[in-house]
Amino acid sequence: MKYIRIKDPIYGTTDVNSSVAVDLIASEPFRRLRGIAQYGVPDKYHRVKNFYVSEHAMGTMLLLRMKGALITTQLTGLLHDIAAPAFKHLTEWVFGDREREEISDKNRKAFVEKTEIPRILAKHGFDLEQVIHPEQHSLLELELPGVCADRVDYALRDYAMDPRLVRPTLDNLTAINGNLVFKTKEAAASFGYAFLHCQKVHWGSAENNLRWEYFADAVKSALKDKVIRKEHLFYKCDAYVLARMEASNDIGVISNLGMLNGKLRFREVDPEVEEPDKSLKKKFRWVDPLYMSHGKVHRLSRADAEFKANVGHLKAQSERGIHVVLEN
C-alpha cells in the first residue's frame, strides 16, 4: 500500500495511506504549491516567515480526515488551492478584487483540466467533478463568517495565532450535520477572538497591507514592461517569477522592491484631518463559531454580546480603510 508520512506543526506526525492522495501530492501541480507562499509577499520582502500553500492544502485534508469527512471531501480539501497563482492572494491586488480574493477559485477547474490530475483521479476511480467544487462541501468551505476546515487550518498556522490554542481548538471541534461545531462556548469564543486577533495584527494591519501594496505595484510594473507574463503568475511558482523581476532593470520593479528592504516607516492618519500618501482597503475576515450547549447548537455572536461588539468595532475600522503618511 502506498503511503507518505507527514510531519506537520499542527497535526504532528501522521501517515497518509490513501493511494489517490499520495499520487496527487506527488503530482507536478501539487509540487508547485510548495513554492507558493501563503502570505503573498515572499519571505525576503516580508517581516514574518511564511508557510506554504502545500502545507495548508495537506493540513486541510488532515483536518477533514480527523473530523470524519468522506474521502471525496478530503480530496477536495487537498486540491482546493491547486490553482493558487504565484504570490497567492496578492495576485488579487494585481488583477482581481482585493476584498473578495476569488481568482484561484474561478480558475480552478480550467487549471486542473490542463494537468495530470484528472488522469490520476480516474486511475483511482474518481471523477474530477467529485473533487473540484469546495463550495459543495460545507465541512471544507463556507462563506464568511462560517467556520470550515480551510479557515481553521490557515488560522492555526498563522504567525499571529497563539500556539497554545492549537490543540484545544482541534480537540473541541466536531462535525455535526455537515458543520464544524465547537463542543463548548468557551472553545468557540477562544477561536473567534483569536481569529479577530489575526485580522487585527496580520491580515488587516497597516504594515502588512502596505507591504502587499508595494509588492503588487512591483508585479504590475513587471507585467506592464514585459519582465514577466500573466501565465508566469498562474503556472509558475514564486521563485521563478521573483527571479525574473529581480534580474530586471525595470525602474518600477526595483523601486517598489527596494521599499520593502528593511522596516517600513509610516504613520496612520485620519484622512479628514491629514492628506494620506496611500489609502488601502482589504478583505475583512472574521468567524462566527457554532457551539453545543445543552444538546443544541448555538451561534457565538447571538450569545456573546462582547464578541459581537468586538466584531462590529473591527469591521467598522476595516470599512474606513487604512490611511498612511510615509516617512523618510
Protein backbone atom coordinates (compact mmCIF):
# COMPACT_ATOMS: atom_id res chain seq x y z
CA MET A 1 0.00 0.00 0.00
CA LYS A 2 1.26 3.46 -0.88
CA TYR A 3 1.68 5.92 1.94
CA ILE A 4 3.57 9.04 2.88
CA ARG A 5 4.49 10.26 6.36
CA ILE A 6 3.80 13.92 7.04
CA LYS A 7 5.43 15.85 9.87
CA ASP A 8 3.18 18.81 10.44
CA PRO A 9 3.43 21.54 13.12
CA ILE A 10 -0.35 21.48 13.63
CA TYR A 11 -1.28 17.79 13.37
CA GLY A 12 2.01 16.15 14.31
CA THR A 13 3.46 13.12 12.54
CA THR A 14 0.81 11.23 10.62
CA ASP A 15 0.60 8.81 7.71
CA VAL A 16 -1.44 9.40 4.56
CA ASN A 17 -2.29 5.94 3.21
CA SER A 18 -4.88 6.88 0.59
CA SER A 19 -3.27 5.89 -2.74
CA VAL A 20 -5.07 8.63 -4.64
CA ALA A 21 -3.99 11.28 -2.12
CA VAL A 22 -0.39 10.02 -2.26
CA ASP A 23 -0.39 10.24 -6.07
CA LEU A 24 -1.94 13.72 -6.05
CA ILE A 25 0.63 15.01 -3.55
CA ALA A 26 3.42 13.63 -5.77
CA SER A 27 1.99 15.29 -8.90
CA GLU A 28 3.68 18.25 -10.57
CA PRO A 29 0.73 20.64 -10.00
CA PHE A 30 0.78 19.91 -6.27
CA ARG A 31 4.58 20.16 -6.06
CA ARG A 32 4.26 23.68 -7.49
CA LEU A 33 2.35 24.67 -4.33
CA ARG A 34 5.49 24.00 -2.28
CA GLY A 35 6.90 27.15 -3.85
CA ILE A 36 3.92 29.45 -3.27
CA ALA A 37 3.95 31.38 0.00
CA GLN A 38 0.63 31.65 1.81
CA TYR A 39 1.14 35.28 2.85
CA GLY A 40 1.69 36.51 -0.71
CA VAL A 41 4.83 38.56 -0.20
CA PRO A 42 7.91 36.26 -0.20
CA ASP A 43 9.96 35.97 3.00
CA LYS A 44 12.73 38.18 1.61
CA TYR A 45 10.36 41.15 1.41
CA HIS A 46 8.11 40.35 4.36
CA ARG A 47 8.61 40.95 8.06
CA VAL A 48 7.49 37.42 9.02
CA LYS A 49 8.25 33.89 7.82
CA ASN A 50 5.68 32.30 5.51
CA PHE A 51 4.24 28.85 5.43
CA TYR A 52 3.43 27.36 2.03
CA VAL A 53 0.22 26.56 0.20
CA SER A 54 1.16 22.86 0.01
CA GLU A 55 1.30 22.72 3.83
CA HIS A 56 -2.11 24.36 4.11
CA ALA A 57 -3.62 22.03 1.49
CA MET A 58 -2.34 18.89 3.20
CA GLY A 59 -3.35 20.27 6.59
CA THR A 60 -6.88 20.94 5.39
CA MET A 61 -7.12 17.35 4.18
CA LEU A 62 -5.79 16.05 7.52
CA LEU A 63 -8.27 18.14 9.50
CA LEU A 64 -11.14 16.84 7.37
CA ARG A 65 -9.94 13.27 7.89
CA MET A 66 -9.67 13.87 11.64
CA LYS A 67 -13.32 15.01 11.73
CA GLY A 68 -14.62 12.04 9.77
CA ALA A 69 -15.19 13.64 6.35
CA LEU A 70 -15.76 11.46 3.29
CA ILE A 71 -12.73 10.72 1.12
CA THR A 72 -14.17 12.92 -1.66
CA THR A 73 -14.31 15.84 0.77
CA GLN A 74 -10.77 15.13 1.93
CA LEU A 75 -9.50 15.12 -1.65
CA THR A 76 -11.39 18.33 -2.40
CA GLY A 77 -9.61 19.86 0.59
CA LEU A 78 -6.26 18.68 -0.74
CA LEU A 79 -6.98 20.29 -4.11
CA HIS A 80 -8.90 23.38 -3.05
CA ASP A 81 -5.91 25.72 -3.64
CA ILE A 82 -4.40 23.79 -6.55
CA ALA A 83 -4.80 26.77 -8.91
CA ALA A 84 -3.24 29.27 -6.50
CA PRO A 85 -1.18 31.78 -8.50
CA ALA A 86 2.33 32.80 -7.60
CA PHE A 87 2.23 35.18 -4.62
CA LYS A 88 -1.18 33.67 -3.64
CA HIS A 89 -3.87 36.24 -2.82
CA LEU A 90 -1.53 39.14 -3.54
CA THR A 91 -2.23 38.48 -7.22
CA GLU A 92 -5.77 39.70 -6.47
CA TRP A 93 -4.23 43.13 -5.92
CA VAL A 94 -2.90 42.95 -9.47
CA PHE A 95 -5.85 41.50 -11.39
CA GLY A 96 -8.84 41.00 -9.13
CA ASP A 97 -10.80 42.22 -6.15
CA ARG A 98 -8.64 42.50 -3.04
CA GLU A 99 -11.72 42.42 -0.83
CA ARG A 100 -13.05 39.14 -2.27
CA GLU A 101 -9.95 37.15 -3.30
CA GLU A 102 -11.61 34.82 -5.81
CA ILE A 103 -9.12 34.43 -8.69
CA SER A 104 -7.89 30.93 -7.83
CA ASP A 105 -11.46 29.74 -7.19
CA LYS A 106 -12.60 30.96 -10.61
CA ASN A 107 -9.60 29.44 -12.37
CA ARG A 108 -9.52 26.09 -10.53
CA LYS A 109 -11.32 23.80 -12.95
CA ALA A 110 -9.74 25.26 -16.10
CA PHE A 111 -6.30 24.97 -14.48
CA VAL A 112 -6.79 21.36 -13.34
CA GLU A 113 -8.13 20.16 -16.70
CA LYS A 114 -4.75 21.01 -18.28
CA THR A 115 -2.82 18.87 -15.77
CA GLU A 116 -2.30 15.20 -14.94
CA ILE A 117 -4.80 15.39 -12.06
CA PRO A 118 -7.87 14.12 -13.99
CA ARG A 119 -5.85 11.08 -15.09
CA ILE A 120 -4.70 10.39 -11.53
CA LEU A 121 -8.25 10.63 -10.24
CA ALA A 122 -9.61 8.35 -12.97
CA LYS A 123 -6.92 5.76 -12.23
CA HIS A 124 -8.29 5.51 -8.69
CA GLY A 125 -11.97 5.56 -9.67
CA PHE A 126 -12.74 9.23 -9.02
CA ASP A 127 -14.24 11.82 -11.34
CA LEU A 128 -12.92 15.38 -11.40
CA GLU A 129 -16.39 16.78 -10.70
CA GLN A 130 -16.41 14.99 -7.33
CA VAL A 131 -13.41 16.88 -6.01
CA ILE A 132 -13.20 20.23 -7.80
CA HIS A 133 -16.00 22.19 -6.11
CA PRO A 134 -15.11 23.09 -2.49
CA GLU A 135 -18.34 25.05 -2.11
CA GLN A 136 -20.24 21.73 -2.29
CA HIS A 137 -18.52 20.50 0.89
CA SER A 138 -19.64 22.52 3.91
CA LEU A 139 -17.06 20.98 6.25
CA LEU A 140 -14.40 22.31 3.90
CA GLU A 141 -15.67 25.63 2.59
CA LEU A 142 -18.21 28.17 3.78
CA GLU A 143 -18.79 31.84 3.11
CA LEU A 144 -17.52 34.11 5.88
CA PRO A 145 -18.12 34.06 8.80
CA GLY A 146 -18.61 30.28 8.80
CA VAL A 147 -16.06 28.02 10.47
CA CYS A 148 -14.75 25.44 7.99
CA ALA A 149 -11.63 23.29 7.62
CA ASP A 150 -9.96 25.69 5.18
CA ARG A 151 -10.39 28.61 7.55
CA VAL A 152 -9.42 26.69 10.69
CA ASP A 153 -6.21 25.35 9.16
CA TYR A 154 -4.85 28.63 7.81
CA ALA A 155 -5.74 30.43 11.04
CA LEU A 156 -4.00 27.85 13.23
CA ARG A 157 -0.85 28.19 11.07
CA ASP A 158 -0.84 31.98 11.17
CA TYR A 159 2.04 33.74 12.91
CA ALA A 160 -0.45 35.84 14.88
CA MET A 161 -2.25 32.79 16.29
CA ASP A 162 -1.48 31.83 19.89
CA PRO A 163 0.08 28.34 19.56
CA ARG A 164 -1.44 27.36 22.89
CA LEU A 165 -4.85 27.38 21.19
CA VAL A 166 -3.97 24.83 18.50
CA ARG A 167 -4.60 21.63 20.46
CA PRO A 168 -7.71 22.89 22.33
CA THR A 169 -9.21 24.05 19.04
CA LEU A 170 -8.65 20.70 17.33
CA ASP A 171 -9.85 18.72 20.35
CA ASN A 172 -13.02 20.79 20.75
CA LEU A 173 -14.17 20.70 17.13
CA THR A 174 -16.66 18.09 15.98
CA ALA A 175 -18.70 17.57 12.82
CA ILE A 176 -22.47 17.85 13.19
CA ASN A 177 -24.83 17.80 10.19
CA GLY A 178 -22.13 18.98 7.80
CA ASN A 179 -20.81 21.77 10.02
CA LEU A 180 -17.78 22.13 12.26
CA VAL A 181 -19.12 22.82 15.74
CA PHE A 182 -17.25 23.51 18.97
CA LYS A 183 -18.09 21.34 21.97
CA THR A 184 -18.20 24.32 24.33
CA LYS A 185 -18.94 28.02 24.23
CA GLU A 186 -15.55 28.72 25.78
CA ALA A 187 -13.70 26.94 22.96
CA ALA A 188 -15.82 28.72 20.34
CA ALA A 189 -15.09 32.09 21.92
CA SER A 190 -11.35 31.39 22.19
CA PHE A 191 -11.15 30.62 18.48
CA GLY A 192 -13.42 33.51 17.50
CA TYR A 193 -11.36 36.05 19.41
CA ALA A 194 -8.07 34.54 18.19
CA PHE A 195 -9.28 34.85 14.59
CA LEU A 196 -10.12 38.52 15.20
CA HIS A 197 -6.62 38.99 16.62
CA CYS A 198 -5.15 37.63 13.36
CA GLN A 199 -7.31 40.07 11.43
CA LYS A 200 -6.13 42.97 13.56
CA VAL A 201 -2.38 42.31 13.71
CA HIS A 202 -1.86 40.49 10.40
CA TRP A 203 -4.49 40.39 7.64
CA GLY A 204 -5.81 43.88 8.31
CA SER A 205 -2.71 45.60 9.67
CA ALA A 206 -1.27 48.73 8.10
CA GLU A 207 2.25 47.28 7.96
CA ASN A 208 1.24 44.16 6.04
CA ASN A 209 -1.18 45.93 3.71
CA LEU A 210 1.48 48.47 2.83
CA ARG A 211 3.94 45.66 2.05
CA TRP A 212 1.31 43.95 -0.14
CA GLU A 213 0.69 47.25 -1.93
CA TYR A 214 4.37 47.82 -2.75
CA PHE A 215 4.88 44.24 -3.88
CA ALA A 216 1.71 44.31 -6.01
CA ASP A 217 2.95 47.53 -7.64
CA ALA A 218 6.25 45.79 -8.43
CA VAL A 219 4.33 42.91 -10.08
CA LYS A 220 2.16 45.35 -12.05
CA SER A 221 5.24 47.14 -13.33
CA ALA A 222 6.85 43.82 -14.27
CA LEU A 223 3.75 42.87 -16.27
CA LYS A 224 3.44 46.26 -17.93
CA ASP A 225 7.06 46.28 -19.07
CA LYS A 226 7.01 42.57 -20.09
CA VAL A 227 9.52 41.47 -17.48
CA ILE A 228 7.02 38.70 -16.68
CA ARG A 229 3.90 37.41 -18.40
CA LYS A 230 0.48 36.72 -16.92
CA GLU A 231 0.89 32.97 -17.46
CA HIS A 232 4.03 33.02 -15.31
CA LEU A 233 1.90 34.04 -12.34
CA PHE A 234 -0.70 31.33 -12.93
CA TYR A 235 1.55 28.40 -13.84
CA LYS A 236 4.90 29.03 -12.12
CA CYS A 237 6.00 29.37 -8.50
CA ASP A 238 7.11 32.43 -6.51
CA ALA A 239 10.85 31.86 -7.00
CA TYR A 240 10.59 31.69 -10.78
CA VAL A 241 8.64 34.93 -11.08
CA LEU A 242 10.66 36.75 -8.42
CA ALA A 243 13.95 35.81 -10.10
CA ARG A 244 12.80 37.40 -13.36
CA MET A 245 11.70 40.53 -11.50
CA GLU A 246 14.92 40.88 -9.53
CA ALA A 247 17.08 40.29 -12.62
CA SER A 248 15.39 43.12 -14.48
CA ASN A 249 16.44 46.76 -14.61
CA ASP A 250 12.85 47.90 -14.56
CA ILE A 251 12.57 51.08 -12.50
CA GLY A 252 9.07 50.31 -11.22
CA VAL A 253 10.07 46.82 -10.10
CA ILE A 254 13.34 47.83 -8.46
CA SER A 255 11.96 50.91 -6.70
CA ASN A 256 8.97 49.07 -5.20
CA LEU A 257 11.03 46.07 -4.10
CA GLY A 258 13.55 48.49 -2.65
CA MET A 259 10.86 49.96 -0.41
CA LEU A 260 10.48 46.52 1.18
CA ASN A 261 14.10 46.17 2.25
CA GLY A 262 14.04 46.73 5.99
CA LYS A 263 11.46 48.43 8.15
CA LEU A 264 8.70 50.50 6.60
CA ARG A 265 8.45 53.99 8.03
CA PHE A 266 4.93 55.39 8.10
CA ARG A 267 2.21 56.62 10.41
CA GLU A 268 -1.52 56.13 10.20
CA VAL A 269 -3.65 59.26 9.82
CA ASP A 270 -7.27 60.32 9.78
CA PRO A 271 -7.94 61.33 6.14
CA GLU A 272 -10.36 64.02 7.29
CA VAL A 273 -7.54 65.66 9.21
CA GLU A 274 -4.45 64.97 7.11
CA GLU A 275 -3.97 64.00 3.47
CA PRO A 276 -2.62 60.44 3.29
CA ASP A 277 0.07 59.31 0.86
CA LYS A 278 -1.66 55.96 0.48
CA SER A 279 -5.16 54.68 1.23
CA LEU A 280 -5.68 50.93 1.32
CA LYS A 281 -8.54 48.53 1.84
CA LYS A 282 -8.53 44.77 2.18
CA LYS A 283 -10.83 41.84 2.86
CA PHE A 284 -12.27 41.73 6.39
CA ARG A 285 -12.03 38.26 7.90
CA TRP A 286 -13.90 37.03 10.96
CA VAL A 287 -15.64 33.87 12.09
CA ASP A 288 -18.86 33.32 13.99
CA PRO A 289 -18.40 29.85 15.50
CA LEU A 290 -21.15 27.38 16.28
CA TYR A 291 -21.04 25.55 19.62
CA MET A 292 -23.03 22.94 21.54
CA SER A 293 -24.81 23.68 24.79
CA HIS A 294 -27.48 21.54 26.47
CA GLY A 295 -27.87 19.43 23.37
CA LYS A 296 -28.46 22.35 21.00
CA VAL A 297 -26.28 24.22 18.51
CA HIS A 298 -25.80 27.94 19.17
CA ARG A 299 -24.01 30.75 17.30
CA LEU A 300 -21.45 32.73 19.29
CA SER A 301 -22.47 36.22 18.15
CA ARG A 302 -26.02 35.63 19.38
CA ALA A 303 -24.87 34.52 22.82
CA ASP A 304 -21.86 36.75 23.46
CA ALA A 305 -22.59 40.47 23.24
CA GLU A 306 -18.96 41.40 23.86
CA PHE A 307 -17.78 39.25 20.95
CA LYS A 308 -20.42 40.78 18.68
CA ALA A 309 -19.33 44.28 19.72
CA ASN A 310 -15.66 43.47 19.03
CA VAL A 311 -16.55 42.20 15.56
CA GLY A 312 -18.56 45.36 14.87
CA HIS A 313 -15.71 47.60 16.00
CA LEU A 314 -13.08 45.88 13.84
CA LYS A 315 -15.42 45.70 10.85
CA ALA A 316 -16.10 49.44 11.08
CA GLN A 317 -12.34 50.05 11.23
CA SER A 318 -11.83 47.89 8.16
CA GLU A 319 -14.53 49.71 6.20
CA ARG A 320 -12.84 53.05 6.92
CA GLY A 321 -9.69 51.69 5.31
CA ILE A 322 -6.04 52.21 6.13
CA HIS A 323 -4.60 55.68 5.51
CA VAL A 324 -0.89 56.32 5.90
CA VAL A 325 1.67 59.08 5.55
CA LEU A 326 5.11 57.81 4.50
CA GLU A 327 8.11 59.00 6.48
CA ASN A 328 11.78 59.15 5.47
